[in-house]
């Protein structure tokens, strides 16, 4: 991303780092998640249009929320399974 807008560059880096951090608990493993995330971001690095970059950031935020929901569901199922035995 060679955007003239440093704020967008900062947002892209921030969401990438957040997603990378969230990948620690990914069911298929961190290496699987990291390589897929890197490939997804690198496939979009040629985009220079600010509107397209903003849409990409919105899509990344959506993915972050979906992964977060997946983790909460996993926690909920684990707790429910643990306490339903009693």
PDB file of N, CA and C in Angstrom:
ATOM      1  N   UNK A   1       0.847  -1.178   0.000  1.00  0.00           N
ATOM      2  CA  UNK A   1       0.000   0.000   0.000  1.00  0.00           C
ATOM      3  C   UNK A   1       0.888   1.234   0.000  1.00  0.00           C
ATOM      4  N   UNK A   2       0.844   1.974  -1.047  1.00  0.00           N
ATOM      5  CA  UNK A   2       1.652   3.181  -1.143  1.00  0.00           C
ATOM      6  C   UNK A   2       0.741   4.402  -1.139  1.00  0.00           C
ATOM      7  N   UNK A   3      -0.100   4.485  -0.144  1.00  0.00           N
ATOM      8  CA  UNK A   3      -1.056   5.572  -0.053  1.00  0.00           C
ATOM      9  C   UNK A   3      -0.371   6.835   0.472  1.00  0.00           C
ATOM     10  N   UNK A   4      -0.866   7.972   0.002  1.00  0.00           N
ATOM     11  CA  UNK A   4      -0.339   9.245   0.480  1.00  0.00           C
ATOM     12  C   UNK A   4      -0.919   9.579   1.855  1.00  0.00           C
ATOM     13  N   UNK A   5      -1.937   8.851   2.259  1.00  0.00           N
ATOM     14  CA  UNK A   5      -2.597   9.114   3.522  1.00  0.00           C
ATOM     15  C   UNK A   5      -2.013   8.215   4.618  1.00  0.00           C
ATOM     16  N   UNK A   6      -1.201   8.795   5.520  1.00  0.00           N
ATOM     17  CA  UNK A   6      -0.586   7.973   6.574  1.00  0.00           C
ATOM     18  C   UNK A   6      -1.603   7.440   7.584  1.00  0.00           C
ATOM     19  N   UNK A   7      -2.748   8.092   7.714  1.00  0.00           N
ATOM     20  CA  UNK A   7      -3.770   7.614   8.643  1.00  0.00           C
ATOM     21  C   UNK A   7      -4.326   6.266   8.185  1.00  0.00           C
ATOM     22  N   UNK A   8      -4.536   6.121   6.884  1.00  0.00           N
ATOM     23  CA  UNK A   8      -5.024   4.843   6.364  1.00  0.00           C
ATOM     24  C   UNK A   8      -3.978   3.747   6.543  1.00  0.00           C
ATOM     25  N   UNK A   9      -2.741   4.099   6.316  1.00  0.00           N
ATOM     26  CA  UNK A   9      -1.655   3.128   6.493  1.00  0.00           C
ATOM     27  C   UNK A   9      -1.606   2.651   7.940  1.00  0.00           C
ATOM     28  N   UNK A  10      -1.787   3.579   8.865  1.00  0.00           N
ATOM     29  CA  UNK A  10      -1.796   3.237  10.282  1.00  0.00           C
ATOM     30  C   UNK A  10      -2.974   2.318  10.607  1.00  0.00           C
ATOM     31  N   UNK A  11      -4.150   2.595  10.037  1.00  0.00           N
ATOM     32  CA  UNK A  11      -5.316   1.757  10.283  1.00  0.00           C
ATOM     33  C   UNK A  11      -5.104   0.339   9.757  1.00  0.00           C
ATOM     34  N   UNK A  12      -4.500   0.236   8.587  1.00  0.00           N
ATOM     35  CA  UNK A  12      -4.240  -1.084   8.007  1.00  0.00           C
ATOM     36  C   UNK A  12      -3.268  -1.856   8.892  1.00  0.00           C
ATOM     37  N   UNK A  13      -2.225  -1.210   9.349  1.00  0.00           N
ATOM     38  CA  UNK A  13      -1.266  -1.873  10.232  1.00  0.00           C
ATOM     39  C   UNK A  13      -1.921  -2.296  11.541  1.00  0.00           C
ATOM     40  N   UNK A  14      -2.771  -1.436  12.082  1.00  0.00           N
ATOM     41  CA  UNK A  14      -3.451  -1.721  13.349  1.00  0.00           C
ATOM     42  C   UNK A  14      -4.342  -2.955  13.222  1.00  0.00           C
ATOM     43  N   UNK A  15      -5.161  -3.007  12.173  1.00  0.00           N
ATOM     44  CA  UNK A  15      -6.069  -4.137  12.025  1.00  0.00           C
ATOM     45  C   UNK A  15      -5.286  -5.416  11.734  1.00  0.00           C
ATOM     46  N   UNK A  16      -4.187  -5.302  11.005  1.00  0.00           N
ATOM     47  CA  UNK A  16      -3.346  -6.472  10.737  1.00  0.00           C
ATOM     48  C   UNK A  16      -2.774  -7.023  12.043  1.00  0.00           C
ATOM     49  N   UNK A  17      -2.277  -6.126  12.884  1.00  0.00           N
ATOM     50  CA  UNK A  17      -1.713  -6.554  14.163  1.00  0.00           C
ATOM     51  C   UNK A  17      -2.777  -7.155  15.075  1.00  0.00           C
ATOM     52  N   UNK A  18      -3.983  -6.569  15.070  1.00  0.00           N
ATOM     53  CA  UNK A  18      -5.068  -7.111  15.885  1.00  0.00           C
ATOM     54  C   UNK A  18      -5.436  -8.516  15.425  1.00  0.00           C
ATOM     55  N   UNK A  19      -5.566  -8.687  14.117  1.00  0.00           N
ATOM     56  CA  UNK A  19      -5.907  -9.998  13.589  1.00  0.00           C
ATOM     57  C   UNK A  19      -4.804 -11.006  13.869  1.00  0.00           C
ATOM     58  N   UNK A  20      -3.564 -10.578  13.743  1.00  0.00           N
ATOM     59  CA  UNK A  20      -2.436 -11.460  14.011  1.00  0.00           C
ATOM     60  C   UNK A  20      -2.442 -11.905  15.478  1.00  0.00           C
ATOM     61  N   UNK A  21      -2.748 -10.985  16.374  1.00  0.00           N
ATOM     62  CA  UNK A  21      -2.825 -11.316  17.795  1.00  0.00           C
ATOM     63  C   UNK A  21      -3.962 -12.300  18.059  1.00  0.00           C
ATOM     64  N   UNK A  22      -5.098 -12.088  17.402  1.00  0.00           N
ATOM     65  CA  UNK A  22      -6.245 -12.972  17.593  1.00  0.00           C
ATOM     66  C   UNK A  22      -5.973 -14.372  17.053  1.00  0.00           C
ATOM     67  N   UNK A  23      -5.045 -14.482  16.129  1.00  0.00           N
ATOM     68  CA  UNK A  23      -4.741 -15.767  15.524  1.00  0.00           C
ATOM     69  C   UNK A  23      -4.061 -16.751  16.458  1.00  0.00           C
ATOM     70  N   UNK A  24      -3.623 -16.281  17.612  1.00  0.00           N
ATOM     71  CA  UNK A  24      -2.952 -17.179  18.566  1.00  0.00           C
ATOM     72  C   UNK A  24      -3.851 -18.330  18.985  1.00  0.00           C
ATOM     73  N   UNK A  25      -5.144 -18.074  19.074  1.00  0.00           N
ATOM     74  CA  UNK A  25      -6.085 -19.086  19.555  1.00  0.00           C
ATOM     75  C   UNK A  25      -6.871 -19.740  18.422  1.00  0.00           C
ATOM     76  N   UNK A  26      -6.438 -19.559  17.198  1.00  0.00           N
ATOM     77  CA  UNK A  26      -7.179 -20.102  16.068  1.00  0.00           C
ATOM     78  C   UNK A  26      -7.149 -21.624  16.098  1.00  0.00           C
ATOM     79  N   UNK A  27      -8.288 -22.272  15.823  1.00  0.00           N
ATOM     80  CA  UNK A  27      -8.353 -23.739  15.934  1.00  0.00           C
ATOM     81  C   UNK A  27      -7.337 -24.505  15.076  1.00  0.00           C
ATOM     82  N   UNK A  28      -7.033 -24.034  13.859  1.00  0.00           N
ATOM     83  CA  UNK A  28      -6.079 -24.747  13.010  1.00  0.00           C
ATOM     84  C   UNK A  28      -4.633 -24.410  13.333  1.00  0.00           C
ATOM     85  N   UNK A  29      -4.417 -23.508  14.238  1.00  0.00           N
ATOM     86  CA  UNK A  29      -3.062 -23.166  14.645  1.00  0.00           C
ATOM     87  C   UNK A  29      -2.638 -21.793  14.162  1.00  0.00           C
ATOM     88  N   UNK A  30      -1.655 -21.249  14.853  1.00  0.00           N
ATOM     89  CA  UNK A  30      -1.186 -19.895  14.575  1.00  0.00           C
ATOM     90  C   UNK A  30      -0.496 -19.790  13.214  1.00  0.00           C
ATOM     91  N   UNK A  31       0.317 -20.776  12.874  1.00  0.00           N
ATOM     92  CA  UNK A  31       1.031 -20.725  11.593  1.00  0.00           C
ATOM     93  C   UNK A  31       0.068 -20.727  10.416  1.00  0.00           C
ATOM     94  N   UNK A  32      -0.965 -21.549  10.502  1.00  0.00           N
ATOM     95  CA  UNK A  32      -1.989 -21.585   9.452  1.00  0.00           C
ATOM     96  C   UNK A  32      -2.642 -20.215   9.305  1.00  0.00           C
ATOM     97  N   UNK A  33      -3.034 -19.636  10.437  1.00  0.00           N
ATOM     98  CA  UNK A  33      -3.711 -18.340  10.425  1.00  0.00           C
ATOM     99  C   UNK A  33      -2.794 -17.245   9.894  1.00  0.00           C
ATOM    100  N   UNK A  34      -1.551 -17.236  10.365  1.00  0.00           N
ATOM    101  CA  UNK A  34      -0.614 -16.180   9.982  1.00  0.00           C
ATOM    102  C   UNK A  34      -0.335 -16.191   8.484  1.00  0.00           C
ATOM    103  N   UNK A  35      -0.124 -17.361   7.913  1.00  0.00           N
ATOM    104  CA  UNK A  35       0.156 -17.418   6.474  1.00  0.00           C
ATOM    105  C   UNK A  35      -1.055 -16.991   5.660  1.00  0.00           C
ATOM    106  N   UNK A  36      -2.239 -17.380   6.079  1.00  0.00           N
ATOM    107  CA  UNK A  36      -3.455 -16.983   5.349  1.00  0.00           C
ATOM    108  C   UNK A  36      -3.695 -15.478   5.471  1.00  0.00           C
ATOM    109  N   UNK A  37      -3.471 -14.931   6.657  1.00  0.00           N
ATOM    110  CA  UNK A  37      -3.655 -13.498   6.868  1.00  0.00           C
ATOM    111  C   UNK A  37      -2.662 -12.702   6.034  1.00  0.00           C
ATOM    112  N   UNK A  38      -1.416 -13.130   6.044  1.00  0.00           N
ATOM    113  CA  UNK A  38      -0.385 -12.438   5.274  1.00  0.00           C
ATOM    114  C   UNK A  38      -0.719 -12.471   3.779  1.00  0.00           C
ATOM    115  N   UNK A  39      -1.136 -13.622   3.300  1.00  0.00           N
ATOM    116  CA  UNK A  39      -1.490 -13.750   1.888  1.00  0.00           C
ATOM    117  C   UNK A  39      -2.669 -12.831   1.527  1.00  0.00           C
ATOM    118  N   UNK A  40      -3.662 -12.746   2.417  1.00  0.00           N
ATOM    119  CA  UNK A  40      -4.825 -11.894   2.169  1.00  0.00           C
ATOM    120  C   UNK A  40      -4.434 -10.419   2.103  1.00  0.00           C
ATOM    121  N   UNK A  41      -3.574  -9.987   3.007  1.00  0.00           N
ATOM    122  CA  UNK A  41      -3.168  -8.583   3.015  1.00  0.00           C
ATOM    123  C   UNK A  41      -2.240  -8.273   1.834  1.00  0.00           C
ATOM    124  N   UNK A  42      -1.355  -9.172   1.511  1.00  0.00           N
ATOM    125  CA  UNK A  42      -0.421  -8.948   0.399  1.00  0.00           C
ATOM    126  C   UNK A  42      -1.137  -8.936  -0.951  1.00  0.00           C
ATOM    127  N   UNK A  43      -2.244  -9.647  -1.061  1.00  0.00           N
ATOM    128  CA  UNK A  43      -2.985  -9.640  -2.320  1.00  0.00           C
ATOM    129  C   UNK A  43      -3.662  -8.296  -2.572  1.00  0.00           C
ATOM    130  N   UNK A  44      -3.771  -7.478  -1.530  1.00  0.00           N
ATOM    131  CA  UNK A  44      -4.419  -6.172  -1.648  1.00  0.00           C
ATOM    132  C   UNK A  44      -3.434  -5.007  -1.599  1.00  0.00           C
ATOM    133  N   UNK A  45      -2.155  -5.272  -1.568  1.00  0.00           N
ATOM    134  CA  UNK A  45      -1.178  -4.208  -1.381  1.00  0.00           C
ATOM    135  C   UNK A  45      -1.068  -3.256  -2.567  1.00  0.00           C
ATOM    136  N   UNK A  46      -1.537  -3.649  -3.730  1.00  0.00           N
ATOM    137  CA  UNK A  46      -1.438  -2.802  -4.915  1.00  0.00           C
ATOM    138  C   UNK A  46      -2.502  -1.712  -4.965  1.00  0.00           C
ATOM    139  N   UNK A  47      -3.482  -1.753  -4.078  1.00  0.00           N
ATOM    140  CA  UNK A  47      -4.597  -0.802  -4.094  1.00  0.00           C
ATOM    141  C   UNK A  47      -4.109   0.574  -3.646  1.00  0.00           C
ATOM    142  N   UNK A  48      -4.391   1.598  -4.462  1.00  0.00           N
ATOM    143  CA  UNK A  48      -4.002   2.972  -4.150  1.00  0.00           C
ATOM    144  C   UNK A  48      -5.199   3.879  -3.882  1.00  0.00           C
ATOM    145  N   UNK A  49      -6.375   3.471  -4.311  1.00  0.00           N
ATOM    146  CA  UNK A  49      -7.578   4.285  -4.153  1.00  0.00           C
ATOM    147  C   UNK A  49      -8.012   4.289  -2.686  1.00  0.00           C
ATOM    148  N   UNK A  50      -8.190   5.459  -2.113  1.00  0.00           N
ATOM    149  CA  UNK A  50      -8.524   5.574  -0.688  1.00  0.00           C
ATOM    150  C   UNK A  50      -9.859   4.913  -0.360  1.00  0.00           C
ATOM    151  N   UNK A  51     -10.838   5.005  -1.247  1.00  0.00           N
ATOM    152  CA  UNK A  51     -12.143   4.393  -0.995  1.00  0.00           C
ATOM    153  C   UNK A  51     -12.027   2.877  -0.934  1.00  0.00           C
ATOM    154  N   UNK A  52     -11.237   2.302  -1.821  1.00  0.00           N
ATOM    155  CA  UNK A  52     -11.047   0.850  -1.814  1.00  0.00           C
ATOM    156  C   UNK A  52     -10.295   0.411  -0.562  1.00  0.00           C
ATOM    157  N   UNK A  53      -9.363   1.221  -0.125  1.00  0.00           N
ATOM    158  CA  UNK A  53      -8.619   0.908   1.099  1.00  0.00           C
ATOM    159  C   UNK A  53      -9.564   0.945   2.295  1.00  0.00           C
ATOM    160  N   UNK A  54     -10.442   1.938   2.343  1.00  0.00           N
ATOM    161  CA  UNK A  54     -11.415   2.033   3.441  1.00  0.00           C
ATOM    162  C   UNK A  54     -12.358   0.838   3.433  1.00  0.00           C
ATOM    163  N   UNK A  55     -12.785   0.400   2.245  1.00  0.00           N
ATOM    164  CA  UNK A  55     -13.657  -0.777   2.166  1.00  0.00           C
ATOM    165  C   UNK A  55     -12.914  -2.025   2.637  1.00  0.00           C
ATOM    166  N   UNK A  56     -11.629  -2.120   2.314  1.00  0.00           N
ATOM    167  CA  UNK A  56     -10.825  -3.243   2.784  1.00  0.00           C
ATOM    168  C   UNK A  56     -10.687  -3.248   4.296  1.00  0.00           C
ATOM    169  N   UNK A  57     -10.526  -2.066   4.877  1.00  0.00           N
ATOM    170  CA  UNK A  57     -10.436  -1.944   6.339  1.00  0.00           C
ATOM    171  C   UNK A  57     -11.757  -2.368   6.972  1.00  0.00           C
ATOM    172  N   UNK A  58     -12.874  -1.955   6.372  1.00  0.00           N
ATOM    173  CA  UNK A  58     -14.189  -2.350   6.886  1.00  0.00           C
ATOM    174  C   UNK A  58     -14.360  -3.865   6.823  1.00  0.00           C
ATOM    175  N   UNK A  59     -13.913  -4.475   5.730  1.00  0.00           N
ATOM    176  CA  UNK A  59     -14.006  -5.927   5.585  1.00  0.00           C
ATOM    177  C   UNK A  59     -13.136  -6.623   6.639  1.00  0.00           C
ATOM    178  N   UNK A  60     -11.956  -6.073   6.905  1.00  0.00           N
ATOM    179  CA  UNK A  60     -11.068  -6.649   7.921  1.00  0.00           C
ATOM    180  C   UNK A  60     -11.693  -6.521   9.313  1.00  0.00           C
ATOM    181  N   UNK A  61     -12.366  -5.411   9.581  1.00  0.00           N
ATOM    182  CA  UNK A  61     -13.054  -5.233  10.865  1.00  0.00           C
ATOM    183  C   UNK A  61     -14.168  -6.266  11.008  1.00  0.00           C
ATOM    184  N   UNK A  62     -14.878  -6.538   9.912  1.00  0.00           N
ATOM    185  CA  UNK A  62     -15.932  -7.544   9.932  1.00  0.00           C
ATOM    186  C   UNK A  62     -15.345  -8.920  10.244  1.00  0.00           C
ATOM    187  N   UNK A  63     -14.241  -9.245   9.619  1.00  0.00           N
ATOM    188  CA  UNK A  63     -13.579 -10.526   9.861  1.00  0.00           C
ATOM    189  C   UNK A  63     -13.127 -10.612  11.313  1.00  0.00           C
ATOM    190  N   UNK A  64     -12.617  -9.519  11.849  1.00  0.00           N
ATOM    191  CA  UNK A  64     -12.194  -9.499  13.250  1.00  0.00           C
ATOM    192  C   UNK A  64     -13.376  -9.798  14.173  1.00  0.00           C
ATOM    193  N   UNK A  65     -14.521  -9.188  13.892  1.00  0.00           N
ATOM    194  CA  UNK A  65     -15.710  -9.430  14.712  1.00  0.00           C
ATOM    195  C   UNK A  65     -16.184 -10.874  14.596  1.00  0.00           C
ATOM    196  N   UNK A  66     -16.096 -11.444  13.399  1.00  0.00           N
ATOM    197  CA  UNK A  66     -16.496 -12.834  13.204  1.00  0.00           C
ATOM    198  C   UNK A  66     -15.579 -13.789  13.971  1.00  0.00           C
ATOM    199  N   UNK A  67     -14.293 -13.533  13.945  1.00  0.00           N
ATOM    200  CA  UNK A  67     -13.348 -14.376  14.686  1.00  0.00           C
ATOM    201  C   UNK A  67     -13.598 -14.252  16.181  1.00  0.00           C
ATOM    202  N   UNK A  68     -13.865 -13.026  16.623  1.00  0.00           N
ATOM    203  CA  UNK A  68     -14.177 -12.797  18.032  1.00  0.00           C
ATOM    204  C   UNK A  68     -15.427 -13.578  18.430  1.00  0.00           C
ATOM    205  N   UNK A  69     -16.451 -13.565  17.585  1.00  0.00           N
ATOM    206  CA  UNK A  69     -17.676 -14.310  17.869  1.00  0.00           C
ATOM    207  C   UNK A  69     -17.395 -15.808  17.918  1.00  0.00           C
ATOM    208  N   UNK A  70     -16.535 -16.284  17.042  1.00  0.00           N
ATOM    209  CA  UNK A  70     -16.151 -17.696  17.045  1.00  0.00           C
ATOM    210  C   UNK A  70     -15.500 -18.070  18.370  1.00  0.00           C
ATOM    211  N   UNK A  71     -14.622 -17.232  18.870  1.00  0.00           N
ATOM    212  CA  UNK A  71     -13.949 -17.502  20.142  1.00  0.00           C
ATOM    213  C   UNK A  71     -14.931 -17.479  21.312  1.00  0.00           C
ATOM    214  N   UNK A  72     -15.862 -16.509  21.314  1.00  0.00           N
ATOM    215  CA  UNK A  72     -16.844 -16.446  22.393  1.00  0.00           C
ATOM    216  C   UNK A  72     -17.745 -17.683  22.367  1.00  0.00           C
ATOM    217  N   UNK A  73     -18.114 -18.123  21.176  1.00  0.00           N
ATOM    218  CA  UNK A  73     -18.944 -19.314  21.069  1.00  0.00           C
ATOM    219  C   UNK A  73     -18.202 -20.546  21.572  1.00  0.00           C
ATOM    220  N   UNK A  74     -16.933 -20.630  21.248  1.00  0.00           N
ATOM    221  CA  UNK A  74     -16.113 -21.759  21.724  1.00  0.00           C
ATOM    222  C   UNK A  74     -16.048 -21.754  23.250  1.00  0.00           C
ATOM    223  N   UNK A  75     -15.843 -20.568  23.842  1.00  0.00           N
ATOM    224  CA  UNK A  75     -15.807 -20.454  25.307  1.00  0.00           C
ATOM    225  C   UNK A  75     -17.139 -20.861  25.920  1.00  0.00           C
ATOM    226  N   UNK A  76     -18.226 -20.372  25.321  1.00  0.00           N
ATOM    227  CA  UNK A  76     -19.562 -20.663  25.827  1.00  0.00           C
ATOM    228  C   UNK A  76     -19.832 -22.163  25.790  1.00  0.00           C
ATOM    229  N   UNK A  77     -19.500 -22.804  24.668  1.00  0.00           N
ATOM    230  CA  UNK A  77     -19.740 -24.239  24.549  1.00  0.00           C
ATOM    231  C   UNK A  77     -18.915 -25.030  25.559  1.00  0.00           C
ATOM    232  N   UNK A  78     -17.685 -24.599  25.780  1.00  0.00           N
ATOM    233  CA  UNK A  78     -16.832 -25.277  26.746  1.00  0.00           C
ATOM    234  C   UNK A  78     -17.407 -25.149  28.153  1.00  0.00           C
ATOM    235  N   UNK A  79     -17.807 -23.944  28.526  1.00  0.00           N
ATOM    236  CA  UNK A  79     -18.391 -23.742  29.856  1.00  0.00           C
ATOM    237  C   UNK A  79     -19.695 -24.505  30.004  1.00  0.00           C
ATOM    238  N   UNK A  80     -20.519 -24.470  28.992  1.00  0.00           N
ATOM    239  CA  UNK A  80     -21.799 -25.172  29.069  1.00  0.00           C
ATOM    240  C   UNK A  80     -21.578 -26.675  29.198  1.00  0.00           C
ATOM    241  N   UNK A  81     -20.639 -27.190  28.428  1.00  0.00           N
ATOM    242  CA  UNK A  81     -20.329 -28.615  28.501  1.00  0.00           C
ATOM    243  C   UNK A  81     -19.794 -28.987  29.887  1.00  0.00           C
ATOM    244  N   UNK A  82     -18.990 -28.116  30.473  1.00  0.00           N
ATOM    245  CA  UNK A  82     -18.419 -28.371  31.787  1.00  0.00           C
ATOM    246  C   UNK A  82     -19.481 -28.374  32.874  1.00  0.00           C
ATOM    247  N   UNK A  83     -20.382 -27.400  32.849  1.00  0.00           N
ATOM    248  CA  UNK A  83     -21.340 -27.256  33.932  1.00  0.00           C
ATOM    249  C   UNK A  83     -22.623 -28.030  33.728  1.00  0.00           C
ATOM    250  N   UNK A  84     -22.883 -28.545  32.551  1.00  0.00           N
ATOM    251  CA  UNK A  84     -24.076 -29.372  32.338  1.00  0.00           C
ATOM    252  C   UNK A  84     -23.933 -30.774  32.924  1.00  0.00           C
ATOM    253  N   UNK A  85     -22.716 -31.146  33.262  1.00  0.00           N
ATOM    254  CA  UNK A  85     -22.483 -32.474  33.827  1.00  0.00           C
ATOM    255  C   UNK A  85     -23.046 -32.585  35.237  1.00  0.00           C
ATOM    256  N   UNK A  86     -23.178 -31.458  35.920  1.00  0.00           N
ATOM    257  CA  UNK A  86     -23.613 -31.485  37.318  1.00  0.00           C
ATOM    258  C   UNK A  86     -25.092 -31.432  37.443  1.00  0.00           C
TER     259      UNK A  86
END
